[in-house]
Amino acid sequence: MDRRTHPRIEVNQPARLTLLSGASATFDVRIVDAHERGMRVYTSAPLPLHQPVKVEYGDLLVLGDVCHCGEAGPGGPFTHSVGLMIHEVLAGLADLRPLLEALQKEESRLPREMAR
């Protein structure tokens, strides 16, 4: 019997996961499923519990913490199943790129002492 309060959405897509504290490292991962407050990914290595992470997938950036890690996965390069608690999701990042480029261009025109 499934006692989960939030329905899972199967994703099965590649993504990039970055550890945000301690020894910074980036991993290729596979997002298995996601729900309102979390997601499960397969990784090639165990991740420490409570480790803050960033997951980049398409036009999304997800910030969260590792809340579960165990040996599992479909085999191949993925040996661990990692549960993440989601804190923030940023979407539409591609829409911000032209704005960022315009701001950087404008900043390059300013005298050096004003640009800081």
N, C-alpha and C. Protein backbone atom coordinates (compact mmCIF):
# COMPACT_ATOMS: atom_id res chain seq x y z
N MET A 1 0.85 -1.18 0.00
CA MET A 1 0.00 0.00 0.00
C MET A 1 0.89 1.25 0.00
N ASP A 2 0.65 2.14 -0.92
CA ASP A 2 1.41 3.38 -1.04
C ASP A 2 0.80 4.43 -0.13
N ARG A 3 1.58 4.90 0.87
CA ARG A 3 1.07 5.89 1.82
C ARG A 3 1.58 7.29 1.52
N ARG A 4 2.09 7.51 0.35
CA ARG A 4 2.61 8.82 -0.02
C ARG A 4 1.48 9.83 -0.13
N THR A 5 1.77 11.07 0.31
CA THR A 5 0.74 12.11 0.26
C THR A 5 0.76 12.89 -1.05
N HIS A 6 1.86 12.82 -1.79
CA HIS A 6 1.97 13.54 -3.05
C HIS A 6 2.18 12.55 -4.18
N PRO A 7 1.39 12.63 -5.24
CA PRO A 7 1.58 11.69 -6.36
C PRO A 7 2.91 11.92 -7.07
N ARG A 8 3.55 10.84 -7.46
CA ARG A 8 4.82 10.90 -8.19
C ARG A 8 4.55 11.00 -9.69
N ILE A 9 5.39 11.79 -10.34
CA ILE A 9 5.35 11.90 -11.79
C ILE A 9 6.62 11.26 -12.31
N GLU A 10 6.49 10.24 -13.13
CA GLU A 10 7.68 9.61 -13.70
C GLU A 10 8.31 10.54 -14.71
N VAL A 11 9.63 10.71 -14.60
CA VAL A 11 10.34 11.64 -15.47
C VAL A 11 11.30 10.89 -16.39
N ASN A 12 12.22 10.12 -15.81
CA ASN A 12 13.19 9.33 -16.57
C ASN A 12 13.96 10.17 -17.59
N GLN A 13 14.61 11.23 -17.10
CA GLN A 13 15.36 12.14 -17.96
C GLN A 13 16.74 12.42 -17.37
N PRO A 14 17.75 12.66 -18.22
CA PRO A 14 19.08 13.01 -17.72
C PRO A 14 19.10 14.44 -17.17
N ALA A 15 19.99 14.67 -16.20
CA ALA A 15 20.14 15.99 -15.59
C ALA A 15 21.56 16.10 -15.03
N ARG A 16 21.89 17.29 -14.52
CA ARG A 16 23.19 17.53 -13.87
C ARG A 16 22.91 17.89 -12.41
N LEU A 17 23.62 17.23 -11.49
CA LEU A 17 23.49 17.50 -10.07
C LEU A 17 24.82 18.03 -9.56
N THR A 18 24.78 19.14 -8.82
CA THR A 18 25.99 19.75 -8.26
C THR A 18 25.86 19.82 -6.76
N LEU A 19 26.90 19.35 -6.05
CA LEU A 19 26.96 19.50 -4.60
C LEU A 19 27.31 20.95 -4.29
N LEU A 20 26.61 21.56 -3.33
CA LEU A 20 26.78 22.99 -3.09
C LEU A 20 27.58 23.35 -1.86
N SER A 21 28.02 22.39 -1.09
CA SER A 21 28.88 22.72 0.06
C SER A 21 29.95 21.65 0.19
N GLY A 22 31.00 21.99 0.93
CA GLY A 22 32.10 21.04 1.07
C GLY A 22 32.83 20.92 -0.24
N ALA A 23 33.19 19.70 -0.58
CA ALA A 23 33.89 19.43 -1.83
C ALA A 23 32.88 19.49 -2.97
N SER A 24 32.91 20.59 -3.70
CA SER A 24 31.97 20.78 -4.80
C SER A 24 32.26 19.76 -5.90
N ALA A 25 31.22 19.10 -6.36
CA ALA A 25 31.35 18.11 -7.43
C ALA A 25 30.07 18.13 -8.25
N THR A 26 30.18 17.74 -9.51
CA THR A 26 29.02 17.69 -10.40
C THR A 26 28.92 16.28 -10.95
N PHE A 27 27.67 15.79 -11.03
CA PHE A 27 27.40 14.43 -11.49
C PHE A 27 26.36 14.46 -12.60
N ASP A 28 26.51 13.56 -13.56
CA ASP A 28 25.43 13.27 -14.49
C ASP A 28 24.49 12.32 -13.74
N VAL A 29 23.21 12.65 -13.71
CA VAL A 29 22.22 11.84 -13.00
C VAL A 29 21.04 11.57 -13.92
N ARG A 30 20.16 10.71 -13.48
CA ARG A 30 18.90 10.47 -14.18
C ARG A 30 17.79 10.73 -13.19
N ILE A 31 16.90 11.69 -13.52
CA ILE A 31 15.74 11.94 -12.67
C ILE A 31 14.75 10.81 -12.94
N VAL A 32 14.38 10.12 -11.87
CA VAL A 32 13.48 8.98 -12.00
C VAL A 32 12.03 9.44 -11.87
N ASP A 33 11.77 10.17 -10.78
CA ASP A 33 10.42 10.70 -10.58
C ASP A 33 10.50 11.96 -9.75
N ALA A 34 9.40 12.70 -9.74
CA ALA A 34 9.34 13.95 -8.99
C ALA A 34 7.93 14.14 -8.46
N HIS A 35 7.84 14.93 -7.42
CA HIS A 35 6.54 15.31 -6.87
C HIS A 35 6.65 16.70 -6.30
N GLU A 36 5.61 17.18 -5.68
CA GLU A 36 5.53 18.55 -5.20
C GLU A 36 6.69 18.95 -4.30
N ARG A 37 7.19 18.06 -3.47
CA ARG A 37 8.21 18.42 -2.48
C ARG A 37 9.52 17.66 -2.63
N GLY A 38 9.65 16.83 -3.66
CA GLY A 38 10.89 16.06 -3.77
C GLY A 38 11.06 15.41 -5.12
N MET A 39 12.20 14.75 -5.27
CA MET A 39 12.46 13.99 -6.48
C MET A 39 13.43 12.87 -6.14
N ARG A 40 13.45 11.88 -7.01
CA ARG A 40 14.40 10.77 -6.87
C ARG A 40 15.26 10.75 -8.12
N VAL A 41 16.58 10.62 -7.88
CA VAL A 41 17.53 10.55 -8.98
C VAL A 41 18.43 9.34 -8.79
N TYR A 42 18.93 8.83 -9.90
CA TYR A 42 19.96 7.79 -9.86
C TYR A 42 21.30 8.47 -10.08
N THR A 43 22.29 8.07 -9.28
CA THR A 43 23.64 8.64 -9.38
C THR A 43 24.66 7.51 -9.51
N SER A 44 25.88 7.90 -9.83
CA SER A 44 26.97 6.94 -9.95
C SER A 44 27.75 6.80 -8.65
N ALA A 45 27.37 7.54 -7.61
CA ALA A 45 28.09 7.50 -6.34
C ALA A 45 27.12 7.87 -5.21
N PRO A 46 27.41 7.43 -4.00
CA PRO A 46 26.55 7.84 -2.87
C PRO A 46 26.74 9.32 -2.58
N LEU A 47 25.68 9.96 -2.10
CA LEU A 47 25.75 11.37 -1.71
C LEU A 47 25.46 11.48 -0.22
N PRO A 48 26.15 12.38 0.49
CA PRO A 48 25.94 12.52 1.93
C PRO A 48 24.55 13.09 2.25
N LEU A 49 23.96 12.57 3.32
CA LEU A 49 22.66 13.08 3.76
C LEU A 49 22.77 14.54 4.15
N HIS A 50 21.72 15.28 3.92
CA HIS A 50 21.59 16.71 4.27
C HIS A 50 22.49 17.61 3.42
N GLN A 51 23.11 17.05 2.39
CA GLN A 51 23.97 17.82 1.50
C GLN A 51 23.11 18.71 0.61
N PRO A 52 23.33 20.03 0.60
CA PRO A 52 22.60 20.88 -0.34
C PRO A 52 23.06 20.61 -1.78
N VAL A 53 22.10 20.58 -2.69
CA VAL A 53 22.41 20.28 -4.09
C VAL A 53 21.64 21.20 -5.01
N LYS A 54 22.14 21.26 -6.25
CA LYS A 54 21.46 21.96 -7.35
C LYS A 54 21.29 20.93 -8.45
N VAL A 55 20.08 20.84 -9.01
CA VAL A 55 19.82 19.95 -10.14
C VAL A 55 19.40 20.82 -11.32
N GLU A 56 20.09 20.66 -12.44
CA GLU A 56 19.77 21.40 -13.65
C GLU A 56 19.19 20.43 -14.67
N TYR A 57 17.99 20.76 -15.12
CA TYR A 57 17.26 19.90 -16.04
C TYR A 57 16.52 20.78 -17.03
N GLY A 58 16.93 20.75 -18.27
CA GLY A 58 16.27 21.59 -19.27
C GLY A 58 16.32 23.05 -18.86
N ASP A 59 15.16 23.65 -18.75
CA ASP A 59 15.03 25.06 -18.41
C ASP A 59 14.75 25.26 -16.91
N LEU A 60 14.99 24.21 -16.11
CA LEU A 60 14.72 24.27 -14.67
C LEU A 60 16.00 24.20 -13.87
N LEU A 61 15.99 24.87 -12.73
CA LEU A 61 17.05 24.75 -11.74
C LEU A 61 16.35 24.44 -10.42
N VAL A 62 16.71 23.32 -9.81
CA VAL A 62 16.08 22.87 -8.57
C VAL A 62 17.11 22.90 -7.46
N LEU A 63 16.76 23.52 -6.33
CA LEU A 63 17.62 23.54 -5.15
C LEU A 63 16.99 22.68 -4.07
N GLY A 64 17.80 21.85 -3.43
CA GLY A 64 17.27 20.98 -2.39
C GLY A 64 18.36 20.36 -1.57
N ASP A 65 17.98 19.35 -0.78
CA ASP A 65 18.90 18.63 0.09
C ASP A 65 18.72 17.13 -0.12
N VAL A 66 19.81 16.39 0.08
CA VAL A 66 19.74 14.93 0.03
C VAL A 66 19.05 14.46 1.30
N CYS A 67 17.96 13.70 1.15
CA CYS A 67 17.26 13.19 2.34
C CYS A 67 17.30 11.66 2.42
N HIS A 68 17.77 11.01 1.37
CA HIS A 68 17.88 9.55 1.37
C HIS A 68 18.91 9.15 0.32
N CYS A 69 19.69 8.13 0.63
CA CYS A 69 20.62 7.59 -0.36
C CYS A 69 20.83 6.12 -0.06
N GLY A 70 20.70 5.32 -1.08
CA GLY A 70 20.92 3.89 -0.91
C GLY A 70 21.38 3.25 -2.20
N GLU A 71 21.99 2.08 -2.07
CA GLU A 71 22.41 1.35 -3.26
C GLU A 71 21.18 0.86 -3.99
N ALA A 72 21.14 1.15 -5.23
CA ALA A 72 20.01 0.74 -6.09
C ALA A 72 20.27 1.29 -7.46
N GLY A 73 19.27 1.23 -8.28
CA GLY A 73 19.40 1.82 -9.60
C GLY A 73 19.26 0.78 -10.68
N PRO A 74 19.24 1.24 -11.91
CA PRO A 74 19.00 0.35 -13.03
C PRO A 74 20.23 -0.41 -13.48
N GLY A 75 21.36 -0.18 -12.82
CA GLY A 75 22.60 -0.79 -13.27
C GLY A 75 23.34 0.17 -14.17
N GLY A 76 24.35 -0.33 -14.84
CA GLY A 76 25.15 0.54 -15.69
C GLY A 76 25.86 1.56 -14.84
N PRO A 77 25.90 2.80 -15.27
CA PRO A 77 26.64 3.81 -14.52
C PRO A 77 25.93 4.26 -13.23
N PHE A 78 24.65 3.94 -13.10
CA PHE A 78 23.88 4.42 -11.94
C PHE A 78 23.78 3.33 -10.88
N THR A 79 24.41 3.59 -9.74
CA THR A 79 24.48 2.59 -8.68
C THR A 79 23.72 2.97 -7.42
N HIS A 80 23.28 4.23 -7.33
CA HIS A 80 22.62 4.70 -6.11
C HIS A 80 21.33 5.43 -6.43
N SER A 81 20.36 5.23 -5.57
CA SER A 81 19.10 5.95 -5.64
C SER A 81 19.12 7.02 -4.56
N VAL A 82 18.89 8.27 -4.96
CA VAL A 82 19.00 9.40 -4.03
C VAL A 82 17.68 10.15 -3.99
N GLY A 83 17.16 10.34 -2.79
CA GLY A 83 15.96 11.14 -2.60
C GLY A 83 16.34 12.56 -2.25
N LEU A 84 15.71 13.51 -2.90
CA LEU A 84 15.99 14.93 -2.66
C LEU A 84 14.73 15.63 -2.15
N MET A 85 14.89 16.45 -1.13
CA MET A 85 13.82 17.33 -0.68
C MET A 85 13.99 18.65 -1.40
N ILE A 86 12.97 19.08 -2.11
CA ILE A 86 13.04 20.30 -2.91
C ILE A 86 12.72 21.52 -2.04
N HIS A 87 13.57 22.55 -2.15
CA HIS A 87 13.33 23.82 -1.45
C HIS A 87 12.88 24.92 -2.40
N GLU A 88 13.50 24.98 -3.58
CA GLU A 88 13.17 26.02 -4.56
C GLU A 88 13.25 25.45 -5.97
N VAL A 89 12.40 25.93 -6.85
CA VAL A 89 12.45 25.59 -8.27
C VAL A 89 12.41 26.88 -9.06
N LEU A 90 13.40 27.06 -9.91
CA LEU A 90 13.45 28.23 -10.78
C LEU A 90 13.20 27.76 -12.20
N ALA A 91 12.22 28.34 -12.85
CA ALA A 91 11.87 27.95 -14.22
C ALA A 91 12.01 29.15 -15.15
N GLY A 92 12.09 28.88 -16.43
CA GLY A 92 12.18 29.96 -17.42
C GLY A 92 13.55 30.59 -17.49
N LEU A 93 14.59 29.83 -17.18
CA LEU A 93 15.94 30.40 -17.16
C LEU A 93 16.39 30.88 -18.54
N ALA A 94 15.93 30.23 -19.58
CA ALA A 94 16.31 30.66 -20.94
C ALA A 94 15.80 32.07 -21.22
N ASP A 95 14.65 32.43 -20.63
CA ASP A 95 14.09 33.77 -20.83
C ASP A 95 14.95 34.84 -20.17
N LEU A 96 15.74 34.46 -19.16
CA LEU A 96 16.59 35.42 -18.46
C LEU A 96 17.91 35.68 -19.18
N ARG A 97 18.32 34.78 -20.05
CA ARG A 97 19.61 34.90 -20.73
C ARG A 97 19.75 36.22 -21.50
N PRO A 98 18.78 36.63 -22.33
CA PRO A 98 18.94 37.91 -23.05
C PRO A 98 19.08 39.10 -22.09
N LEU A 99 18.37 39.07 -20.97
CA LEU A 99 18.48 40.15 -20.00
C LEU A 99 19.88 40.18 -19.39
N LEU A 100 20.40 39.02 -19.01
CA LEU A 100 21.73 38.95 -18.44
C LEU A 100 22.78 39.44 -19.43
N GLU A 101 22.66 39.03 -20.67
CA GLU A 101 23.61 39.47 -21.69
C GLU A 101 23.54 40.98 -21.91
N ALA A 102 22.35 41.55 -21.89
CA ALA A 102 22.19 43.00 -22.05
C ALA A 102 22.81 43.73 -20.86
N LEU A 103 22.61 43.22 -19.66
CA LEU A 103 23.20 43.85 -18.47
C LEU A 103 24.72 43.78 -18.51
N GLN A 104 25.26 42.65 -18.94
CA GLN A 104 26.71 42.52 -19.03
C GLN A 104 27.28 43.47 -20.08
N LYS A 105 26.57 43.63 -21.18
CA LYS A 105 27.01 44.54 -22.25
C LYS A 105 27.00 45.98 -21.74
N GLU A 106 25.93 46.34 -21.04
CA GLU A 106 25.81 47.69 -20.48
C GLU A 106 26.91 47.95 -19.45
N GLU A 107 27.19 46.96 -18.61
CA GLU A 107 28.22 47.11 -17.58
C GLU A 107 29.59 47.32 -18.23
N SER A 108 29.84 46.66 -19.35
CA SER A 108 31.14 46.80 -20.02
C SER A 108 31.34 48.21 -20.57
N ARG A 109 30.26 48.96 -20.77
CA ARG A 109 30.36 50.33 -21.28
C ARG A 109 30.64 51.35 -20.17
N LEU A 110 30.37 50.97 -18.91
CA LEU A 110 30.58 51.87 -17.79
C LEU A 110 32.04 52.02 -17.47
N PRO A 111 32.44 53.20 -16.96
CA PRO A 111 33.82 53.33 -16.48
C PRO A 111 34.06 52.30 -15.37
N ARG A 112 35.28 51.82 -15.28
CA ARG A 112 35.62 50.74 -14.36
C ARG A 112 35.18 51.02 -12.92
N GLU A 113 35.34 52.23 -12.43
CA GLU A 113 34.99 52.53 -11.02
C GLU A 113 33.47 52.52 -10.81
N MET A 114 32.68 52.76 -11.83
CA MET A 114 31.23 52.74 -11.69
C MET A 114 30.66 51.33 -11.82
N ALA A 115 31.38 50.43 -12.48
CA ALA A 115 30.89 49.08 -12.74
C ALA A 115 30.91 48.21 -11.49
N ARG A 116 31.56 48.65 -10.45
CA ARG A 116 31.64 47.84 -9.23
C ARG A 116 30.71 48.29 -8.18
